[in-house]
Protein backbone atom coordinates (compact mmCIF):
# COMPACT_ATOMS: atom_id res chain seq x y z
CA UNK A 1 5.63 -18.30 17.41
CA UNK A 2 8.21 -14.99 16.69
CA UNK A 3 7.04 -12.15 19.45
CA UNK A 4 6.94 -8.61 19.32
CA UNK A 5 9.30 -8.30 21.47
CA UNK A 6 12.46 -10.13 19.23
CA UNK A 7 15.58 -7.67 18.16
CA UNK A 8 14.60 -5.10 15.99
CA UNK A 9 17.40 -5.87 13.48
CA UNK A 10 15.07 -8.84 12.09
CA UNK A 11 12.35 -6.07 11.44
CA UNK A 12 11.75 -3.77 8.94
CA UNK A 13 9.62 -0.37 8.99
CA UNK A 14 6.69 -0.51 6.80
CA UNK A 15 6.64 3.59 6.41
CA UNK A 16 10.13 2.78 4.15
CA UNK A 17 9.34 1.32 1.17
CA UNK A 18 10.70 3.76 -0.52
CA UNK A 19 14.34 2.61 0.66
CA UNK A 20 13.70 -0.86 -0.45
CA UNK A 21 16.85 -1.08 -2.62
CA UNK A 22 18.94 0.47 0.09
CA UNK A 23 17.30 -2.20 2.71
CA UNK A 24 19.60 -5.10 4.76
CA UNK A 25 16.55 -7.56 3.66
CA UNK A 26 14.31 -6.47 0.82
CA UNK A 27 13.53 -9.73 1.07
CA UNK A 28 11.19 -8.44 3.81
CA UNK A 29 9.14 -5.50 1.91
CA UNK A 30 8.44 -9.06 -0.38
CA UNK A 31 7.34 -11.41 2.55
CA UNK A 32 5.07 -8.24 3.55
CA UNK A 33 3.12 -7.32 0.63
CA UNK A 34 2.95 -10.78 -0.48
CA UNK A 35 1.10 -11.28 3.84
CA UNK A 36 -0.42 -8.16 3.04
CA UNK A 37 -1.97 -9.62 -0.86
CA UNK A 38 -3.41 -12.91 0.91
CA UNK A 39 -6.17 -11.35 3.24
CA UNK A 40 -9.41 -11.58 2.18
CA UNK A 41 -10.13 -7.87 2.84
CA UNK A 42 -7.55 -7.55 0.27
CA UNK A 43 -8.96 -9.34 -2.58
CA UNK A 44 -12.01 -7.66 -2.38
CA UNK A 45 -10.14 -4.07 -2.16
CA UNK A 46 -8.97 -5.92 -5.77
CA UNK A 47 -11.47 -6.24 -7.16
CA UNK A 48 -13.08 -3.20 -6.59
CA UNK A 49 -10.28 -1.37 -7.89
CA UNK A 50 -10.30 -3.05 -11.23
CA UNK A 51 -14.01 -2.81 -11.07
CA UNK A 52 -13.55 0.94 -11.14
CA UNK A 53 -11.82 1.12 -13.96
CA UNK A 54 -14.66 0.14 -16.36
CA UNK A 55 -14.38 -2.66 -19.22
CA UNK A 56 -10.87 -3.95 -19.37
CA UNK A 57 -11.00 -6.11 -22.65
CA UNK A 58 -8.26 -4.26 -25.25
CA UNK A 59 -7.10 -1.17 -22.95
CA UNK A 60 -4.58 0.06 -22.15
CA UNK A 61 -3.44 0.30 -18.21
CA UNK A 62 -0.84 1.57 -15.68
CA UNK A 63 -0.54 0.41 -12.33
CA UNK A 64 1.72 2.37 -10.58
CA UNK A 65 3.04 1.29 -7.45
CA UNK A 66 2.70 -2.50 -8.69
CA UNK A 67 5.27 -4.03 -6.54
CA UNK A 68 5.46 -7.58 -6.89
CA UNK A 69 3.32 -7.46 -9.35
CA UNK A 70 0.72 -9.22 -8.60
CA UNK A 71 -2.30 -6.86 -9.34
CA UNK A 72 -0.61 -6.51 -12.46
CA UNK A 73 -1.48 -9.62 -13.81
CA UNK A 74 -4.45 -9.95 -12.15
CA UNK A 75 -5.43 -7.22 -14.42
CA UNK A 76 -3.37 -8.29 -17.79
CA UNK A 77 -5.82 -11.34 -17.24
CA UNK A 78 -8.95 -8.54 -17.89
CA UNK A 79 -6.89 -6.79 -20.76
CA UNK A 80 -6.50 -10.28 -22.71
CA UNK A 81 -4.35 -10.41 -25.56
CA UNK A 82 -5.66 -7.15 -27.38
CA UNK A 83 -5.13 -5.21 -24.49
CA UNK A 84 -1.54 -4.09 -23.12
CA UNK A 85 -0.62 -3.67 -18.58
CA UNK A 86 2.57 -1.60 -17.30
CA UNK A 87 3.50 -2.15 -13.33
CA UNK A 88 6.00 0.30 -11.96
CA UNK A 89 7.70 0.93 -9.18
CA UNK A 90 10.58 2.51 -7.92
CA UNK A 91 11.84 -0.29 -6.70
CA UNK A 92 14.19 -2.10 -9.06
CA UNK A 93 14.18 -4.96 -6.08
CA UNK A 94 10.24 -5.14 -6.99
CA UNK A 95 10.49 -4.67 -10.51
CA UNK A 96 12.66 -8.13 -10.79
CA UNK A 97 10.37 -9.70 -8.58
CA UNK A 98 7.53 -8.83 -10.75
CA UNK A 99 9.86 -10.37 -13.83
CA UNK A 100 10.45 -13.50 -11.84
CA UNK A 101 6.17 -13.92 -11.14
CA UNK A 102 5.37 -13.07 -14.43
CA UNK A 103 7.00 -15.40 -16.32
CA UNK A 104 5.70 -17.65 -15.02
CA UNK A 105 2.87 -16.89 -17.06
CA UNK A 106 4.46 -15.54 -20.40
CA UNK A 107 1.55 -15.32 -22.24
CA UNK A 108 0.03 -12.63 -20.13
CA UNK A 109 0.28 -8.80 -22.18
CA UNK A 110 1.86 -7.16 -18.62
CA UNK A 111 5.67 -5.71 -18.39
CA UNK A 112 7.30 -3.98 -15.27
CA UNK A 113 9.30 -1.31 -15.18
CA UNK A 114 11.53 0.78 -13.25
CA UNK A 115 10.07 4.27 -12.95
CA UNK A 116 9.34 7.03 -10.49
CA UNK A 117 5.72 7.95 -10.03
CA UNK A 118 6.73 11.56 -9.66
CA UNK A 119 8.58 11.95 -13.52
CA UNK A 120 6.89 9.50 -15.36
CA UNK A 121 8.08 8.24 -18.60
CA UNK A 122 4.39 7.56 -20.49
CA UNK A 123 3.18 10.47 -23.51
CA UNK A 124 0.28 12.29 -21.86
CA UNK A 125 -2.82 9.98 -22.23
CA UNK A 126 -1.00 7.03 -23.02
CA UNK A 127 -3.33 4.80 -20.88
CA UNK A 128 -7.30 4.21 -20.90
CA UNK A 129 -6.97 3.59 -17.15
CA UNK A 130 -4.97 4.14 -14.52
CA UNK A 131 -4.70 2.68 -10.81
CA UNK A 132 -1.91 2.63 -7.84
CA UNK A 133 -2.69 1.08 -4.84
CA UNK A 134 -0.67 1.54 -1.20
CA UNK A 135 1.87 3.80 -2.78
CA UNK A 136 0.87 8.00 -2.65
CA UNK A 137 1.32 7.27 0.72
CA UNK A 138 4.91 7.17 0.27
CA UNK A 139 5.92 9.88 -1.92
CA UNK A 140 7.46 13.41 -0.89
CA UNK A 141 5.68 15.07 -3.97
CA UNK A 142 2.34 14.29 -3.81
CA UNK A 143 1.37 17.40 -6.06
CA UNK A 144 3.86 16.03 -8.66
CA UNK A 145 2.87 12.48 -8.25
CA UNK A 146 -1.29 13.44 -8.50
CA UNK A 147 -0.41 14.99 -11.81
CA UNK A 148 1.57 12.60 -13.57
CA UNK A 149 -1.20 10.09 -12.86
CA UNK A 150 -3.77 12.44 -14.77
CA UNK A 151 -1.22 13.24 -17.07
CA UNK A 152 -0.83 10.14 -19.08
CA UNK A 153 -4.59 8.50 -18.55
CA UNK A 154 -6.43 9.95 -21.69
CA UNK A 155 -9.10 12.05 -21.40
CA UNK A 156 -12.56 10.20 -20.47
CA UNK A 157 -9.86 7.39 -19.24
CA UNK A 158 -10.55 6.09 -15.30
CA UNK A 159 -8.43 6.44 -12.63
CA UNK A 160 -9.33 3.68 -9.34
CA UNK A 161 -6.55 4.59 -6.11
CA UNK A 162 -6.42 2.76 -2.99
CA UNK A 163 -4.64 4.86 0.31
CA UNK A 164 -5.06 3.75 3.69
CA UNK A 165 -5.81 6.55 6.28
CA UNK A 166 -3.70 5.67 8.96
CA UNK A 167 -4.90 7.29 11.94
CA UNK A 168 -7.91 4.45 11.69
CA UNK A 169 -5.92 2.07 13.32
CA UNK A 170 -8.04 0.40 15.89
CA UNK A 171 -6.54 -1.99 18.64
CA UNK A 172 -8.05 -3.32 21.44
CA UNK A 173 -5.49 -3.04 23.83
CA UNK A 174 -5.90 -2.44 28.44
CA UNK A 175 -3.87 0.72 28.26
CA UNK A 176 -6.04 3.90 25.96
CA UNK A 177 -3.43 6.18 26.83
CA UNK A 178 -0.41 4.14 25.21
CA UNK A 179 -2.28 2.98 22.17
CA UNK A 180 -3.03 6.65 21.73
CA UNK A 181 0.57 7.57 21.25
CA UNK A 182 1.22 3.80 19.06
CA UNK A 183 -1.18 4.83 16.69
CA UNK A 184 -0.25 8.96 16.39
CA UNK A 185 3.59 7.27 16.26
CA UNK A 186 2.40 4.79 13.69
CA UNK A 187 0.49 7.05 11.46
CA UNK A 188 3.10 9.60 11.55
CA UNK A 189 5.95 7.06 10.34
CA UNK A 190 4.43 7.35 7.23
CA UNK A 191 5.13 10.55 5.25
CA UNK A 192 0.80 11.49 4.09
CA UNK A 193 -0.24 9.37 7.18
CA UNK A 194 -3.17 11.24 6.42
CA UNK A 195 -3.84 10.03 2.92
CA UNK A 196 -7.22 8.30 3.16
CA UNK A 197 -9.10 11.33 3.76
CA UNK A 198 -7.12 13.88 1.17
CA UNK A 199 -8.80 11.51 -1.63
CA UNK A 200 -11.76 13.36 -3.08
CA UNK A 201 -10.43 16.38 -2.28
CA UNK A 202 -7.30 16.24 -4.20
CA UNK A 203 -8.35 14.67 -7.25
CA UNK A 204 -11.70 17.00 -7.32
CA UNK A 205 -10.00 19.75 -7.00
CA UNK A 206 -7.63 18.62 -10.16
CA UNK A 207 -10.85 17.75 -12.48
CA UNK A 208 -11.57 14.06 -11.73
CA UNK A 209 -15.46 13.55 -12.83
CA UNK A 210 -17.69 11.34 -11.43
CA UNK A 211 -15.76 10.31 -8.15
CA UNK A 212 -16.92 7.48 -6.25
CA UNK A 213 -15.27 7.25 -2.77
CA UNK A 214 -15.61 3.80 -1.08
CA UNK A 215 -14.04 2.87 2.39
CA UNK A 216 -12.35 -0.48 3.37
CA UNK A 217 -11.72 -1.61 6.45
CA UNK A 218 -9.18 -4.40 7.02
CA UNK A 219 -9.43 -6.51 9.74
CA UNK A 220 -5.37 -7.43 10.89
CA UNK A 221 -4.59 -10.54 11.63
CA UNK A 222 -1.83 -10.92 14.38
CA UNK A 223 1.00 -11.72 11.69
CA UNK A 224 0.34 -8.76 9.70
CA UNK A 225 -0.05 -6.07 12.46
CA UNK A 226 3.20 -7.02 14.70
CA UNK A 227 5.21 -6.75 11.16
CA UNK A 228 2.97 -3.49 10.64
CA UNK A 229 3.85 -1.40 13.47
CA UNK A 230 6.73 -3.52 14.94
CA UNK A 231 10.17 -2.49 13.27
CA UNK A 232 8.38 1.21 13.50
CA UNK A 233 7.51 1.05 17.03
CA UNK A 234 10.93 -0.12 17.46
CA UNK A 235 12.85 2.46 15.49
CA UNK A 236 10.44 5.31 16.96
CA UNK A 237 11.85 3.88 20.74
CA UNK A 238 15.44 3.91 19.69
CA UNK A 239 15.40 7.79 17.56
CA UNK A 240 12.91 9.16 20.80
CA UNK A 241 10.54 9.78 18.65
CA UNK A 242 8.11 7.62 21.05
CA UNK A 243 9.47 8.46 24.28
CA UNK A 244 9.33 5.37 26.15
CA UNK A 245 11.80 3.11 27.00
CA UNK A 246 12.75 -0.30 25.40
CA UNK A 247 10.97 -2.31 28.94
CA UNK A 248 7.49 0.30 28.03
CA UNK A 249 7.63 -0.98 24.23
CA UNK A 250 7.86 -3.94 25.33
CA UNK A 251 4.61 -3.32 28.38
CA UNK A 252 2.44 -2.65 25.63
CA UNK A 253 3.51 -5.91 23.64
CA UNK A 254 2.21 -8.15 26.18
CA UNK A 255 -1.28 -8.28 26.73
CA UNK A 256 -1.67 -8.27 22.60
CA UNK A 257 0.57 -11.55 23.08
CA UNK A 258 -1.59 -12.91 25.83
CA UNK A 259 -5.00 -11.84 23.85
CA UNK A 260 -3.21 -13.18 20.47
CA UNK A 261 -2.57 -16.64 22.85
CA UNK A 262 -6.55 -16.43 24.28
CA UNK A 263 -7.82 -15.62 20.50
CA UNK A 264 -9.03 -12.65 21.26
CA UNK A 265 -6.91 -10.54 19.65
CA UNK A 266 -8.90 -7.97 17.79
CA UNK A 267 -6.76 -4.58 15.17
CA UNK A 268 -8.57 -2.70 12.45
CA UNK A 269 -7.56 0.23 9.62
CA UNK A 270 -9.55 1.20 6.76
CA UNK A 271 -8.94 3.06 3.78
CA UNK A 272 -10.49 3.85 1.15
CA UNK A 273 -11.20 3.21 -2.84
CA UNK A 274 -11.15 6.59 -5.07
CA UNK A 275 -12.50 5.86 -8.56
CA UNK A 276 -13.48 8.99 -11.30
CA UNK A 277 -13.04 9.50 -15.03
CA UNK A 278 -10.09 11.72 -16.73
C-alpha cells in the first residue's frame, strides 16, 4: 500500500486544478476525479444536481468545469436526441480526455470545449439549464464567474451548483490541536475554501429565485482522503505555510495509517447543492 509519507513529488495539490495543463502529471488529476466520481456520495450528488435542473428532455444544458466529461455524458442521456449538452473546462488535457471518453458513445448529444468560466463564449440565455460542480472553489474571480453562469442561462431556466466548504473536514485523530491546523491548512489551500457556506447568499444577491440548499456529507475512504490532503500538506510544510517539520507531518499521518490498517479510519467533508430559477 502506498503510504502517506511517500515522496511529495509523487503527489499533486488538489487545490490546483486550474494548473492541470502545466502539471508534471496531468494524469494524476484525471485519476483523482475518477476516484471521487466513483464514491456513492458523488453518485447521489450528481443525481440531485441533475434532478434540480428539472425535466431535461430536449433541453440545452451547459456544464461548467466538466473535467473528464462523465457528468456531462449522464446529462446527455437525459436530454435525448432533441437536446444538447456542452461541457467546458479550462484544461485542454481534461477536454481531450472528455472527448476520448465521449467517442465511446458517439450518439450522445454532447460536445466539449476549452473555456474560462469567467469569460464564456456563449450568448446571453443560450442554455435552458446550467450546472457547475466543484469548480468555483478554484476560481480567482467568483463575482465574474457567477455572473457568467447566470448570463448564459435563459430567464426561467435552472441553475444547479455543488461546492464543498473545506472547513467542514472532519478527521478522527488523537491530536486535536494538530488536526485543527491541518483542517485550516487544507481549507486555505483552496482559493475559495469557504465556498459552500456562501452559496445561498451569493446567488440570492444575483436574483436567483426558488433557491434551495441541500447539504451532502461525503465519507472519505482512506485512499481518497490521502490523495486529497497529501500533496497540499507536503507543499505547505515545504513552503512554511504549515510550520511543521517533515517529522511532525509524518507523525500526524501515522495514527491515521494505523487506524486504516485496523479498519477504524474515519474522515468526512460536507458540501452543498444549490439550485434555483434564473
